[in-house]
Amino acid sequence: MTVQQLIDKQLFHVVNAGDDTDRAVTGVFCCDLLSIAMGKAPADSAWVTVMGNVNTIAVATLADVACVIIAEGAALDEVGRTRAKEQGVTVLSTDEPIFTAALQVHELL
């Protein structure tokens, strides 16, 4: 499944459509501790977190995830939005709990 196909399912709100929506999503990763996500988030995964700031976008870029899903109704702050646009990172959001959001993606894979 590609990032665009995930977007097309309309399970999540699009905060920022990145530069590479044709990229394959190959798994799901859940973590709110940025230092762990930086070292353990698999490339090409959909990273589900409640952290909605510029550091999340930096970690997403370093870990080379396919997209970020901000769960639990958390929001990406304005600095994070600007950085996501600059870096071409796809950011989605949902009011669903982290587990539910991750399960929704997992069931589509």
Protein backbone atom coordinates (compact mmCIF):
# COMPACT_ATOMS: atom_id res chain seq x y z
CA MET A 1 0.00 0.00 0.00
CA THR A 2 1.26 3.48 -0.79
CA VAL A 3 0.95 6.62 1.31
CA GLN A 4 -1.55 7.94 -1.26
CA GLN A 5 -3.65 4.78 -0.98
CA LEU A 6 -3.66 5.25 2.79
CA ILE A 7 -4.78 8.85 2.33
CA ASP A 8 -7.48 7.73 -0.12
CA LYS A 9 -9.01 5.42 2.53
CA GLN A 10 -9.99 8.61 4.39
CA LEU A 11 -9.33 7.07 7.79
CA PHE A 12 -7.08 9.98 8.71
CA HIS A 13 -7.13 13.75 8.23
CA VAL A 14 -4.33 15.05 5.99
CA VAL A 15 -2.25 17.62 7.85
CA ASN A 16 0.44 17.72 5.16
CA ALA A 17 0.76 15.68 1.99
CA GLY A 18 4.46 15.09 1.52
CA ASP A 19 6.56 14.94 -1.61
CA ASP A 20 6.50 11.15 -1.98
CA THR A 21 2.93 9.90 -1.63
CA ASP A 22 3.72 7.06 -4.07
CA ARG A 23 6.02 5.61 -1.42
CA ALA A 24 5.14 2.17 -0.08
CA VAL A 25 4.09 1.77 3.54
CA THR A 26 5.53 -1.54 4.71
CA GLY A 27 4.68 -1.58 8.40
CA VAL A 28 3.52 0.34 11.45
CA PHE A 29 5.58 1.68 14.34
CA CYS A 30 4.17 3.12 17.58
CA CYS A 31 6.30 5.18 19.94
CA ASP A 32 6.13 8.53 21.72
CA LEU A 33 9.72 8.65 22.93
CA LEU A 34 11.57 10.42 20.15
CA SER A 35 15.00 9.02 21.01
CA ILE A 36 13.69 5.47 20.68
CA ALA A 37 11.79 6.26 17.48
CA MET A 38 14.96 7.77 16.01
CA GLY A 39 16.82 4.50 16.44
CA LYS A 40 14.09 1.91 16.00
CA ALA A 41 11.40 3.19 13.63
CA PRO A 42 11.69 1.06 10.49
CA ALA A 43 12.16 2.90 7.21
CA ASP A 44 8.97 3.00 5.14
CA SER A 45 6.74 2.52 8.19
CA ALA A 46 3.73 4.56 9.25
CA TRP A 47 4.81 6.03 12.58
CA VAL A 48 1.91 6.56 15.01
CA THR A 49 2.55 8.97 17.88
CA VAL A 50 0.98 11.74 19.95
CA MET A 51 4.06 13.96 19.64
CA GLY A 52 3.13 16.88 17.41
CA ASN A 53 6.11 19.17 17.16
CA VAL A 54 9.07 20.05 15.01
CA ASN A 55 11.20 17.33 16.65
CA THR A 56 8.75 14.70 15.42
CA ILE A 57 9.32 15.85 11.87
CA ALA A 58 13.09 15.76 12.38
CA VAL A 59 12.92 12.18 13.68
CA ALA A 60 10.59 11.16 10.84
CA THR A 61 13.17 12.43 8.37
CA LEU A 62 16.10 10.76 10.14
CA ALA A 63 14.27 7.44 10.48
CA ASP A 64 13.02 7.67 6.88
CA VAL A 65 9.44 6.71 7.75
CA ALA A 66 6.81 6.81 5.01
CA CYS A 67 4.45 9.01 7.04
CA VAL A 68 3.57 10.18 10.53
CA ILE A 69 0.13 9.69 12.05
CA ILE A 70 -0.60 11.93 15.02
CA ALA A 71 -3.18 10.12 17.16
CA GLU A 72 -5.39 10.78 20.20
CA GLY A 73 -6.58 14.14 18.82
CA ALA A 74 -3.13 15.66 19.31
CA ALA A 75 -2.17 18.39 16.86
CA LEU A 76 0.98 19.24 14.97
CA ASP A 77 2.09 22.72 16.04
CA GLU A 78 2.69 25.49 13.48
CA VAL A 79 6.48 25.12 13.55
CA GLY A 80 6.03 21.39 12.92
CA ARG A 81 3.62 22.05 10.04
CA THR A 82 6.08 24.43 8.43
CA ARG A 83 8.92 21.93 8.80
CA ALA A 84 6.78 19.08 7.43
CA LYS A 85 6.09 21.19 4.32
CA GLU A 86 9.75 22.12 3.96
CA GLN A 87 10.94 18.52 4.40
CA GLY A 88 8.15 16.94 2.33
CA VAL A 89 6.94 14.73 5.20
CA THR A 90 3.40 13.36 5.03
CA VAL A 91 1.59 13.94 8.31
CA LEU A 92 -1.87 12.54 9.02
CA SER A 93 -3.98 12.87 12.15
CA THR A 94 -6.80 11.10 13.94
CA ASP A 95 -8.81 11.29 17.14
CA GLU A 96 -8.41 7.52 17.51
CA PRO A 97 -6.10 6.03 20.16
CA ILE A 98 -2.62 5.05 19.03
CA PHE A 99 -3.42 1.33 19.08
CA THR A 100 -6.59 1.75 17.02
CA ALA A 101 -4.85 3.93 14.44
CA ALA A 102 -1.98 1.46 14.14
CA LEU A 103 -4.41 -1.45 13.82
CA GLN A 104 -6.29 0.33 11.05
CA VAL A 105 -3.07 0.72 9.06
CA HIS A 106 -1.94 -2.83 9.84
CA GLU A 107 -5.23 -4.28 8.59
CA LEU A 108 -4.76 -2.46 5.27
CA LEU A 109 -1.25 -3.84 4.70
